[in-house]
Amino acid sequence: MFALVVRFQVRPDRLEQFDALVARTLEGIAAHEPGTLTYLPTRVEGDDTARIFIEVYADEDAFVAHEEQPHTRHFLAAREPLLLSVRVERLRGIG
């Protein structure tokens, strides 16, 4: 298992654009990424501009495959002007 928790701080005036970008990206993930086990974008209670993604991949190779997909590459490029910050935590299973 390989997983990420990613926190995005979105520009307040760009929330709708960011959420629409995420929705389009989710379609690509569902259609083309069997190694992506969970890709769960969430809102943060009490912080309207925060989004946290919980991402679980079968293994690190599945994550690399995810990063190489056209829909992911588009998301990574298009998100930049919409964000104030990004924090990524890489997780590995215990045992």
PDB file of N, CA and C in Angstrom:
ATOM      1  N   MET A   1       0.834  -1.179   0.000  1.00  0.00           N
ATOM      2  CA  MET A   1       0.000   0.000   0.000  1.00  0.00           C
ATOM      3  C   MET A   1       0.881   1.244   0.000  1.00  0.00           C
ATOM      4  N   PHE A   2       0.442   2.244  -0.719  1.00  0.00           N
ATOM      5  CA  PHE A   2       1.094   3.544  -0.732  1.00  0.00           C
ATOM      6  C   PHE A   2      -0.017   4.580  -0.676  1.00  0.00           C
ATOM      7  N   ALA A   3       0.124   5.577   0.177  1.00  0.00           N
ATOM      8  CA  ALA A   3      -0.960   6.545   0.336  1.00  0.00           C
ATOM      9  C   ALA A   3      -0.414   7.953   0.530  1.00  0.00           C
ATOM     10  N   LEU A   4      -1.283   8.905   0.232  1.00  0.00           N
ATOM     11  CA  LEU A   4      -0.983  10.323   0.428  1.00  0.00           C
ATOM     12  C   LEU A   4      -2.159  10.981   1.123  1.00  0.00           C
ATOM     13  N   VAL A   5      -1.847  11.967   1.931  1.00  0.00           N
ATOM     14  CA  VAL A   5      -2.842  12.915   2.407  1.00  0.00           C
ATOM     15  C   VAL A   5      -2.335  14.272   1.931  1.00  0.00           C
ATOM     16  N   VAL A   6      -3.166  14.957   1.161  1.00  0.00           N
ATOM     17  CA  VAL A   6      -2.759  16.228   0.565  1.00  0.00           C
ATOM     18  C   VAL A   6      -3.728  17.309   1.024  1.00  0.00           C
ATOM     19  N   ARG A   7      -3.178  18.390   1.556  1.00  0.00           N
ATOM     20  CA  ARG A   7      -4.005  19.518   1.974  1.00  0.00           C
ATOM     21  C   ARG A   7      -3.765  20.684   1.021  1.00  0.00           C
ATOM     22  N   PHE A   8      -4.851  21.140   0.428  1.00  0.00           N
ATOM     23  CA  PHE A   8      -4.818  22.292  -0.457  1.00  0.00           C
ATOM     24  C   PHE A   8      -5.488  23.461   0.249  1.00  0.00           C
ATOM     25  N   GLN A   9      -4.848  24.610   0.224  1.00  0.00           N
ATOM     26  CA  GLN A   9      -5.486  25.844   0.660  1.00  0.00           C
ATOM     27  C   GLN A   9      -5.806  26.609  -0.615  1.00  0.00           C
ATOM     28  N   VAL A  10      -7.097  26.713  -0.907  1.00  0.00           N
ATOM     29  CA  VAL A  10      -7.559  27.268  -2.176  1.00  0.00           C
ATOM     30  C   VAL A  10      -7.817  28.765  -2.004  1.00  0.00           C
ATOM     31  N   ARG A  11      -7.502  29.527  -3.036  1.00  0.00           N
ATOM     32  CA  ARG A  11      -7.807  30.962  -3.026  1.00  0.00           C
ATOM     33  C   ARG A  11      -9.325  31.126  -2.884  1.00  0.00           C
ATOM     34  N   PRO A  12      -9.781  31.965  -1.972  1.00  0.00           N
ATOM     35  CA  PRO A  12     -11.227  32.090  -1.729  1.00  0.00           C
ATOM     36  C   PRO A  12     -12.042  32.393  -2.984  1.00  0.00           C
ATOM     37  N   ASP A  13     -11.479  33.130  -3.909  1.00  0.00           N
ATOM     38  CA  ASP A  13     -12.211  33.480  -5.132  1.00  0.00           C
ATOM     39  C   ASP A  13     -12.072  32.421  -6.227  1.00  0.00           C
ATOM     40  N   ARG A  14     -11.428  31.301  -5.925  1.00  0.00           N
ATOM     41  CA  ARG A  14     -11.193  30.240  -6.915  1.00  0.00           C
ATOM     42  C   ARG A  14     -11.783  28.887  -6.502  1.00  0.00           C
ATOM     43  N   LEU A  15     -12.596  28.872  -5.455  1.00  0.00           N
ATOM     44  CA  LEU A  15     -13.136  27.605  -4.948  1.00  0.00           C
ATOM     45  C   LEU A  15     -13.957  26.853  -5.991  1.00  0.00           C
ATOM     46  N   GLU A  16     -14.847  27.537  -6.687  1.00  0.00           N
ATOM     47  CA  GLU A  16     -15.680  26.864  -7.686  1.00  0.00           C
ATOM     48  C   GLU A  16     -14.828  26.282  -8.805  1.00  0.00           C
ATOM     49  N   GLN A  17     -13.839  27.024  -9.252  1.00  0.00           N
ATOM     50  CA  GLN A  17     -12.954  26.531 -10.312  1.00  0.00           C
ATOM     51  C   GLN A  17     -12.182  25.300  -9.841  1.00  0.00           C
ATOM     52  N   PHE A  18     -11.666  25.348  -8.621  1.00  0.00           N
ATOM     53  CA  PHE A  18     -10.907  24.213  -8.100  1.00  0.00           C
ATOM     54  C   PHE A  18     -11.800  22.975  -7.992  1.00  0.00           C
ATOM     55  N   ASP A  19     -12.980  23.128  -7.428  1.00  0.00           N
ATOM     56  CA  ASP A  19     -13.871  21.982  -7.258  1.00  0.00           C
ATOM     57  C   ASP A  19     -14.304  21.404  -8.604  1.00  0.00           C
ATOM     58  N   ALA A  20     -14.495  22.256  -9.619  1.00  0.00           N
ATOM     59  CA  ALA A  20     -14.840  21.767 -10.958  1.00  0.00           C
ATOM     60  C   ALA A  20     -13.660  21.005 -11.570  1.00  0.00           C
ATOM     61  N   LEU A  21     -12.459  21.495 -11.371  1.00  0.00           N
ATOM     62  CA  LEU A  21     -11.257  20.809 -11.845  1.00  0.00           C
ATOM     63  C   LEU A  21     -11.133  19.440 -11.193  1.00  0.00           C
ATOM     64  N   VAL A  22     -11.392  19.373  -9.905  1.00  0.00           N
ATOM     65  CA  VAL A  22     -11.343  18.098  -9.184  1.00  0.00           C
ATOM     66  C   VAL A  22     -12.377  17.123  -9.749  1.00  0.00           C
ATOM     67  N   ALA A  23     -13.582  17.587  -9.997  1.00  0.00           N
ATOM     68  CA  ALA A  23     -14.638  16.719 -10.534  1.00  0.00           C
ATOM     69  C   ALA A  23     -14.218  16.119 -11.879  1.00  0.00           C
ATOM     70  N   ARG A  24     -13.639  16.926 -12.748  1.00  0.00           N
ATOM     71  CA  ARG A  24     -13.176  16.412 -14.054  1.00  0.00           C
ATOM     72  C   ARG A  24     -12.046  15.398 -13.870  1.00  0.00           C
ATOM     73  N   THR A  25     -11.171  15.661 -12.941  1.00  0.00           N
ATOM     74  CA  THR A  25     -10.052  14.757 -12.692  1.00  0.00           C
ATOM     75  C   THR A  25     -10.546  13.423 -12.142  1.00  0.00           C
ATOM     76  N   LEU A  26     -11.535  13.457 -11.271  1.00  0.00           N
ATOM     77  CA  LEU A  26     -12.100  12.220 -10.718  1.00  0.00           C
ATOM     78  C   LEU A  26     -12.650  11.309 -11.807  1.00  0.00           C
ATOM     79  N   GLU A  27     -13.245  11.888 -12.839  1.00  0.00           N
ATOM     80  CA  GLU A  27     -13.761  11.081 -13.949  1.00  0.00           C
ATOM     81  C   GLU A  27     -12.628  10.300 -14.614  1.00  0.00           C
ATOM     82  N   GLY A  28     -11.512  10.944 -14.852  1.00  0.00           N
ATOM     83  CA  GLY A  28     -10.369  10.276 -15.456  1.00  0.00           C
ATOM     84  C   GLY A  28      -9.791   9.194 -14.573  1.00  0.00           C
ATOM     85  N   ILE A  29      -9.719   9.460 -13.288  1.00  0.00           N
ATOM     86  CA  ILE A  29      -9.196   8.466 -12.346  1.00  0.00           C
ATOM     87  C   ILE A  29     -10.079   7.227 -12.345  1.00  0.00           C
ATOM     88  N   ALA A  30     -11.385   7.418 -12.259  1.00  0.00           N
ATOM     89  CA  ALA A  30     -12.315   6.282 -12.221  1.00  0.00           C
ATOM     90  C   ALA A  30     -12.238   5.446 -13.496  1.00  0.00           C
ATOM     91  N   ALA A  31     -12.031   6.094 -14.632  1.00  0.00           N
ATOM     92  CA  ALA A  31     -12.048   5.390 -15.910  1.00  0.00           C
ATOM     93  C   ALA A  31     -10.723   4.726 -16.272  1.00  0.00           C
ATOM     94  N   HIS A  32      -9.599   5.213 -15.726  1.00  0.00           N
ATOM     95  CA  HIS A  32      -8.295   4.791 -16.245  1.00  0.00           C
ATOM     96  C   HIS A  32      -7.280   4.329 -15.214  1.00  0.00           C
ATOM     97  N   GLU A  33      -7.653   4.234 -13.947  1.00  0.00           N
ATOM     98  CA  GLU A  33      -6.636   3.937 -12.931  1.00  0.00           C
ATOM     99  C   GLU A  33      -7.055   2.801 -11.991  1.00  0.00           C
ATOM    100  N   PRO A  34      -6.913   1.568 -12.424  1.00  0.00           N
ATOM    101  CA  PRO A  34      -7.289   0.454 -11.541  1.00  0.00           C
ATOM    102  C   PRO A  34      -6.423   0.345 -10.290  1.00  0.00           C
ATOM    103  N   GLY A  35      -5.201   0.892 -10.319  1.00  0.00           N
ATOM    104  CA  GLY A  35      -4.317   0.841  -9.158  1.00  0.00           C
ATOM    105  C   GLY A  35      -4.586   1.915  -8.124  1.00  0.00           C
ATOM    106  N   THR A  36      -5.471   2.860  -8.463  1.00  0.00           N
ATOM    107  CA  THR A  36      -5.875   3.878  -7.491  1.00  0.00           C
ATOM    108  C   THR A  36      -7.059   3.312  -6.725  1.00  0.00           C
ATOM    109  N   LEU A  37      -6.827   2.926  -5.485  1.00  0.00           N
ATOM    110  CA  LEU A  37      -7.851   2.252  -4.683  1.00  0.00           C
ATOM    111  C   LEU A  37      -8.833   3.224  -4.062  1.00  0.00           C
ATOM    112  N   THR A  38      -8.329   4.373  -3.619  1.00  0.00           N
ATOM    113  CA  THR A  38      -9.174   5.422  -3.036  1.00  0.00           C
ATOM    114  C   THR A  38      -8.623   6.767  -3.461  1.00  0.00           C
ATOM    115  N   TYR A  39      -9.513   7.629  -3.914  1.00  0.00           N
ATOM    116  CA  TYR A  39      -9.142   9.011  -4.230  1.00  0.00           C
ATOM    117  C   TYR A  39     -10.304   9.853  -3.741  1.00  0.00           C
ATOM    118  N   LEU A  40     -10.175  10.344  -2.529  1.00  0.00           N
ATOM    119  CA  LEU A  40     -11.289  10.972  -1.833  1.00  0.00           C
ATOM    120  C   LEU A  40     -10.986  12.434  -1.517  1.00  0.00           C
ATOM    121  N   PRO A  41     -11.480  13.359  -2.343  1.00  0.00           N
ATOM    122  CA  PRO A  41     -11.351  14.778  -2.010  1.00  0.00           C
ATOM    123  C   PRO A  41     -12.425  15.166  -0.998  1.00  0.00           C
ATOM    124  N   THR A  42     -12.035  15.917   0.020  1.00  0.00           N
ATOM    125  CA  THR A  42     -12.981  16.304   1.071  1.00  0.00           C
ATOM    126  C   THR A  42     -12.846  17.787   1.387  1.00  0.00           C
ATOM    127  N   ARG A  43     -13.886  18.326   1.983  1.00  0.00           N
ATOM    128  CA  ARG A  43     -13.849  19.678   2.536  1.00  0.00           C
ATOM    129  C   ARG A  43     -13.503  19.574   4.012  1.00  0.00           C
ATOM    130  N   VAL A  44     -13.010  20.668   4.572  1.00  0.00           N
ATOM    131  CA  VAL A  44     -12.623  20.693   5.973  1.00  0.00           C
ATOM    132  C   VAL A  44     -13.650  21.513   6.743  1.00  0.00           C
ATOM    133  N   GLU A  45     -14.246  20.897   7.730  1.00  0.00           N
ATOM    134  CA  GLU A  45     -15.224  21.600   8.556  1.00  0.00           C
ATOM    135  C   GLU A  45     -14.545  22.776   9.252  1.00  0.00           C
ATOM    136  N   GLY A  46     -15.127  23.958   9.120  1.00  0.00           N
ATOM    137  CA  GLY A  46     -14.586  25.141   9.776  1.00  0.00           C
ATOM    138  C   GLY A  46     -13.556  25.899   8.962  1.00  0.00           C
ATOM    139  N   ASP A  47     -13.187  25.383   7.780  1.00  0.00           N
ATOM    140  CA  ASP A  47     -12.229  26.078   6.912  1.00  0.00           C
ATOM    141  C   ASP A  47     -12.710  25.923   5.473  1.00  0.00           C
ATOM    142  N   ASP A  48     -13.503  26.864   5.025  1.00  0.00           N
ATOM    143  CA  ASP A  48     -14.144  26.772   3.708  1.00  0.00           C
ATOM    144  C   ASP A  48     -13.165  26.712   2.548  1.00  0.00           C
ATOM    145  N   THR A  49     -11.961  27.186   2.740  1.00  0.00           N
ATOM    146  CA  THR A  49     -11.009  27.221   1.634  1.00  0.00           C
ATOM    147  C   THR A  49     -10.041  26.041   1.626  1.00  0.00           C
ATOM    148  N   ALA A  50     -10.188  25.130   2.555  1.00  0.00           N
ATOM    149  CA  ALA A  50      -9.301  23.965   2.624  1.00  0.00           C
ATOM    150  C   ALA A  50      -9.959  22.754   1.965  1.00  0.00           C
ATOM    151  N   ARG A  51      -9.135  21.979   1.293  1.00  0.00           N
ATOM    152  CA  ARG A  51      -9.542  20.699   0.735  1.00  0.00           C
ATOM    153  C   ARG A  51      -8.468  19.690   1.128  1.00  0.00           C
ATOM    154  N   ILE A  52      -8.901  18.521   1.565  1.00  0.00           N
ATOM    155  CA  ILE A  52      -7.960  17.452   1.875  1.00  0.00           C
ATOM    156  C   ILE A  52      -8.301  16.258   0.999  1.00  0.00           C
ATOM    157  N   PHE A  53      -7.282  15.731   0.340  1.00  0.00           N
ATOM    158  CA  PHE A  53      -7.440  14.544  -0.491  1.00  0.00           C
ATOM    159  C   PHE A  53      -6.803  13.377   0.246  1.00  0.00           C
ATOM    160  N   ILE A  54      -7.523  12.278   0.296  1.00  0.00           N
ATOM    161  CA  ILE A  54      -7.004  11.021   0.823  1.00  0.00           C
ATOM    162  C   ILE A  54      -6.839  10.110  -0.384  1.00  0.00           C
ATOM    163  N   GLU A  55      -5.611   9.715  -0.654  1.00  0.00           N
ATOM    164  CA  GLU A  55      -5.299   8.937  -1.849  1.00  0.00           C
ATOM    165  C   GLU A  55      -4.616   7.638  -1.431  1.00  0.00           C
ATOM    166  N   VAL A  56      -5.158   6.515  -1.877  1.00  0.00           N
ATOM    167  CA  VAL A  56      -4.578   5.211  -1.563  1.00  0.00           C
ATOM    168  C   VAL A  56      -4.359   4.462  -2.876  1.00  0.00           C
ATOM    169  N   TYR A  57      -3.145   3.980  -3.046  1.00  0.00           N
ATOM    170  CA  TYR A  57      -2.744   3.268  -4.252  1.00  0.00           C
ATOM    171  C   TYR A  57      -2.325   1.857  -3.893  1.00  0.00           C
ATOM    172  N   ALA A  58      -2.462   0.948  -4.841  1.00  0.00           N
ATOM    173  CA  ALA A  58      -2.081  -0.446  -4.610  1.00  0.00           C
ATOM    174  C   ALA A  58      -0.612  -0.551  -4.211  1.00  0.00           C
ATOM    175  N   ASP A  59       0.215   0.279  -4.820  1.00  0.00           N
ATOM    176  CA  ASP A  59       1.644   0.307  -4.517  1.00  0.00           C
ATOM    177  C   ASP A  59       2.230   1.580  -5.125  1.00  0.00           C
ATOM    178  N   GLU A  60       3.517   1.763  -4.968  1.00  0.00           N
ATOM    179  CA  GLU A  60       4.137   2.989  -5.475  1.00  0.00           C
ATOM    180  C   GLU A  60       4.100   3.052  -6.998  1.00  0.00           C
ATOM    181  N   ASP A  61       4.149   1.896  -7.667  1.00  0.00           N
ATOM    182  CA  ASP A  61       4.037   1.886  -9.131  1.00  0.00           C
ATOM    183  C   ASP A  61       2.681   2.418  -9.577  1.00  0.00           C
ATOM    184  N   ALA A  62       1.619   2.096  -8.854  1.00  0.00           N
ATOM    185  CA  ALA A  62       0.284   2.611  -9.187  1.00  0.00           C
ATOM    186  C   ALA A  62       0.243   4.129  -9.012  1.00  0.00           C
ATOM    187  N   PHE A  63       0.939   4.638  -8.004  1.00  0.00           N
ATOM    188  CA  PHE A  63       1.019   6.088  -7.820  1.00  0.00           C
ATOM    189  C   PHE A  63       1.754   6.742  -8.987  1.00  0.00           C
ATOM    190  N   VAL A  64       2.863   6.146  -9.411  1.00  0.00           N
ATOM    191  CA  VAL A  64       3.616   6.678 -10.549  1.00  0.00           C
ATOM    192  C   VAL A  64       2.732   6.672 -11.794  1.00  0.00           C
ATOM    193  N   ALA A  65       1.979   5.606 -12.012  1.00  0.00           N
ATOM    194  CA  ALA A  65       1.061   5.536 -13.148  1.00  0.00           C
ATOM    195  C   ALA A  65       0.009   6.643 -13.057  1.00  0.00           C
ATOM    196  N   HIS A  66      -0.487   6.915 -11.871  1.00  0.00           N
ATOM    197  CA  HIS A  66      -1.447   7.992 -11.654  1.00  0.00           C
ATOM    198  C   HIS A  66      -0.848   9.332 -12.058  1.00  0.00           C
ATOM    199  N   GLU A  67       0.372   9.592 -11.637  1.00  0.00           N
ATOM    200  CA  GLU A  67       1.031  10.867 -11.927  1.00  0.00           C
ATOM    201  C   GLU A  67       1.271  11.066 -13.427  1.00  0.00           C
ATOM    202  N   GLU A  68       1.373   9.978 -14.181  1.00  0.00           N
ATOM    203  CA  GLU A  68       1.653  10.062 -15.616  1.00  0.00           C
ATOM    204  C   GLU A  68       0.402  10.209 -16.476  1.00  0.00           C
ATOM    205  N   GLN A  69      -0.771  10.053 -15.896  1.00  0.00           N
ATOM    206  CA  GLN A  69      -2.023  10.134 -16.662  1.00  0.00           C
ATOM    207  C   GLN A  69      -2.265  11.553 -17.162  1.00  0.00           C
ATOM    208  N   PRO A  70      -2.822  11.708 -18.375  1.00  0.00           N
ATOM    209  CA  PRO A  70      -3.106  13.049 -18.894  1.00  0.00           C
ATOM    210  C   PRO A  70      -4.024  13.871 -17.983  1.00  0.00           C
ATOM    211  N   HIS A  71      -5.032  13.242 -17.392  1.00  0.00           N
ATOM    212  CA  HIS A  71      -5.940  13.992 -16.513  1.00  0.00           C
ATOM    213  C   HIS A  71      -5.224  14.469 -15.250  1.00  0.00           C
ATOM    214  N   THR A  72      -4.278  13.689 -14.744  1.00  0.00           N
ATOM    215  CA  THR A  72      -3.517  14.111 -13.571  1.00  0.00           C
ATOM    216  C   THR A  72      -2.549  15.231 -13.934  1.00  0.00           C
ATOM    217  N   ARG A  73      -1.877  15.104 -15.055  1.00  0.00           N
ATOM    218  CA  ARG A  73      -0.953  16.151 -15.493  1.00  0.00           C
ATOM    219  C   ARG A  73      -1.700  17.480 -15.690  1.00  0.00           C
ATOM    220  N   HIS A  74      -2.917  17.395 -16.259  1.00  0.00           N
ATOM    221  CA  HIS A  74      -3.722  18.600 -16.437  1.00  0.00           C
ATOM    222  C   HIS A  74      -4.075  19.200 -15.069  1.00  0.00           C
ATOM    223  N   PHE A  75      -4.502  18.346 -14.125  1.00  0.00           N
ATOM    224  CA  PHE A  75      -4.846  18.825 -12.786  1.00  0.00           C
ATOM    225  C   PHE A  75      -3.651  19.525 -12.132  1.00  0.00           C
ATOM    226  N   LEU A  76      -2.487  18.902 -12.199  1.00  0.00           N
ATOM    227  CA  LEU A  76      -1.302  19.469 -11.547  1.00  0.00           C
ATOM    228  C   LEU A  76      -0.939  20.833 -12.122  1.00  0.00           C
ATOM    229  N   ALA A  77      -1.099  21.005 -13.428  1.00  0.00           N
ATOM    230  CA  ALA A  77      -0.782  22.297 -14.048  1.00  0.00           C
ATOM    231  C   ALA A  77      -1.864  23.331 -13.782  1.00  0.00           C
ATOM    232  N   ALA A  78      -3.122  22.921 -13.917  1.00  0.00           N
ATOM    233  CA  ALA A  78      -4.240  23.870 -13.818  1.00  0.00           C
ATOM    234  C   ALA A  78      -4.501  24.322 -12.384  1.00  0.00           C
ATOM    235  N   ARG A  79      -4.091  23.556 -11.408  1.00  0.00           N
ATOM    236  CA  ARG A  79      -4.390  23.907 -10.012  1.00  0.00           C
ATOM    237  C   ARG A  79      -3.558  25.068  -9.495  1.00  0.00           C
ATOM    238  N   GLU A  80      -2.365  25.253 -10.030  1.00  0.00           N
ATOM    239  CA  GLU A  80      -1.413  26.208  -9.463  1.00  0.00           C
ATOM    240  C   GLU A  80      -1.983  27.610  -9.260  1.00  0.00           C
ATOM    241  N   PRO A  81      -2.632  28.232 -10.252  1.00  0.00           N
ATOM    242  CA  PRO A  81      -3.139  29.590 -10.019  1.00  0.00           C
ATOM    243  C   PRO A  81      -4.355  29.642  -9.088  1.00  0.00           C
ATOM    244  N   LEU A  82      -4.882  28.487  -8.715  1.00  0.00           N
ATOM    245  CA  LEU A  82      -6.066  28.425  -7.864  1.00  0.00           C
ATOM    246  C   LEU A  82      -5.720  28.300  -6.387  1.00  0.00           C
ATOM    247  N   LEU A  83      -4.454  28.074  -6.082  1.00  0.00           N
ATOM    248  CA  LEU A  83      -4.051  27.693  -4.726  1.00  0.00           C
ATOM    249  C   LEU A  83      -3.204  28.743  -4.018  1.00  0.00           C
ATOM    250  N   LEU A  84      -3.325  28.724  -2.690  1.00  0.00           N
ATOM    251  CA  LEU A  84      -2.415  29.475  -1.824  1.00  0.00           C
ATOM    252  C   LEU A  84      -1.267  28.580  -1.366  1.00  0.00           C
ATOM    253  N   SER A  85      -1.582  27.293  -1.106  1.00  0.00           N
ATOM    254  CA  SER A  85      -0.544  26.373  -0.646  1.00  0.00           C
ATOM    255  C   SER A  85      -0.983  24.922  -0.829  1.00  0.00           C
ATOM    256  N   VAL A  86       0.025  24.032  -0.786  1.00  0.00           N
ATOM    257  CA  VAL A  86      -0.191  22.586  -0.857  1.00  0.00           C
ATOM    258  C   VAL A  86       0.736  21.940   0.159  1.00  0.00           C
ATOM    259  N   ARG A  87       0.214  20.970   0.879  1.00  0.00           N
ATOM    260  CA  ARG A  87       1.050  20.187   1.804  1.00  0.00           C
ATOM    261  C   ARG A  87       0.771  18.717   1.531  1.00  0.00           C
ATOM    262  N   VAL A  88       1.817  17.937   1.291  1.00  0.00           N
ATOM    263  CA  VAL A  88       1.688  16.524   0.964  1.00  0.00           C
ATOM    264  C   VAL A  88       2.356  15.687   2.055  1.00  0.00           C
ATOM    265  N   GLU A  89       1.608  14.717   2.553  1.00  0.00           N
ATOM    266  CA  GLU A  89       2.141  13.732   3.511  1.00  0.00           C
ATOM    267  C   GLU A  89       2.120  12.376   2.818  1.00  0.00           C
ATOM    268  N   ARG A  90       3.273  11.731   2.692  1.00  0.00           N
ATOM    269  CA  ARG A  90       3.368  10.403   2.091  1.00  0.00           C
ATOM    270  C   ARG A  90       3.274   9.372   3.222  1.00  0.00           C
ATOM    271  N   LEU A  91       2.399   8.406   3.047  1.00  0.00           N
ATOM    272  CA  LEU A  91       2.135   7.421   4.089  1.00  0.00           C
ATOM    273  C   LEU A  91       2.503   6.024   3.632  1.00  0.00           C
ATOM    274  N   ARG A  92       2.960   5.211   4.555  1.00  0.00           N
ATOM    275  CA  ARG A  92       3.223   3.797   4.291  1.00  0.00           C
ATOM    276  C   ARG A  92       2.590   2.979   5.408  1.00  0.00           C
ATOM    277  N   GLY A  93       2.109   1.820   5.047  1.00  0.00           N
ATOM    278  CA  GLY A  93       1.493   0.942   6.040  1.00  0.00           C
ATOM    279  C   GLY A  93       2.501   0.450   7.070  1.00  0.00           C
ATOM    280  N   ILE A  94       1.991   0.099   8.225  1.00  0.00           N
ATOM    281  CA  ILE A  94       2.825  -0.427   9.307  1.00  0.00           C
ATOM    282  C   ILE A  94       2.678  -1.943   9.299  1.00  0.00           C
ATOM    283  N   GLY A  95       3.802  -2.614   9.364  1.00  0.00           N
ATOM    284  CA  GLY A  95       3.782  -4.081   9.446  1.00  0.00           C
ATOM    285  C   GLY A  95       3.898  -4.791   8.153  1.00  0.00           C
TER     286      GLY A  95
END
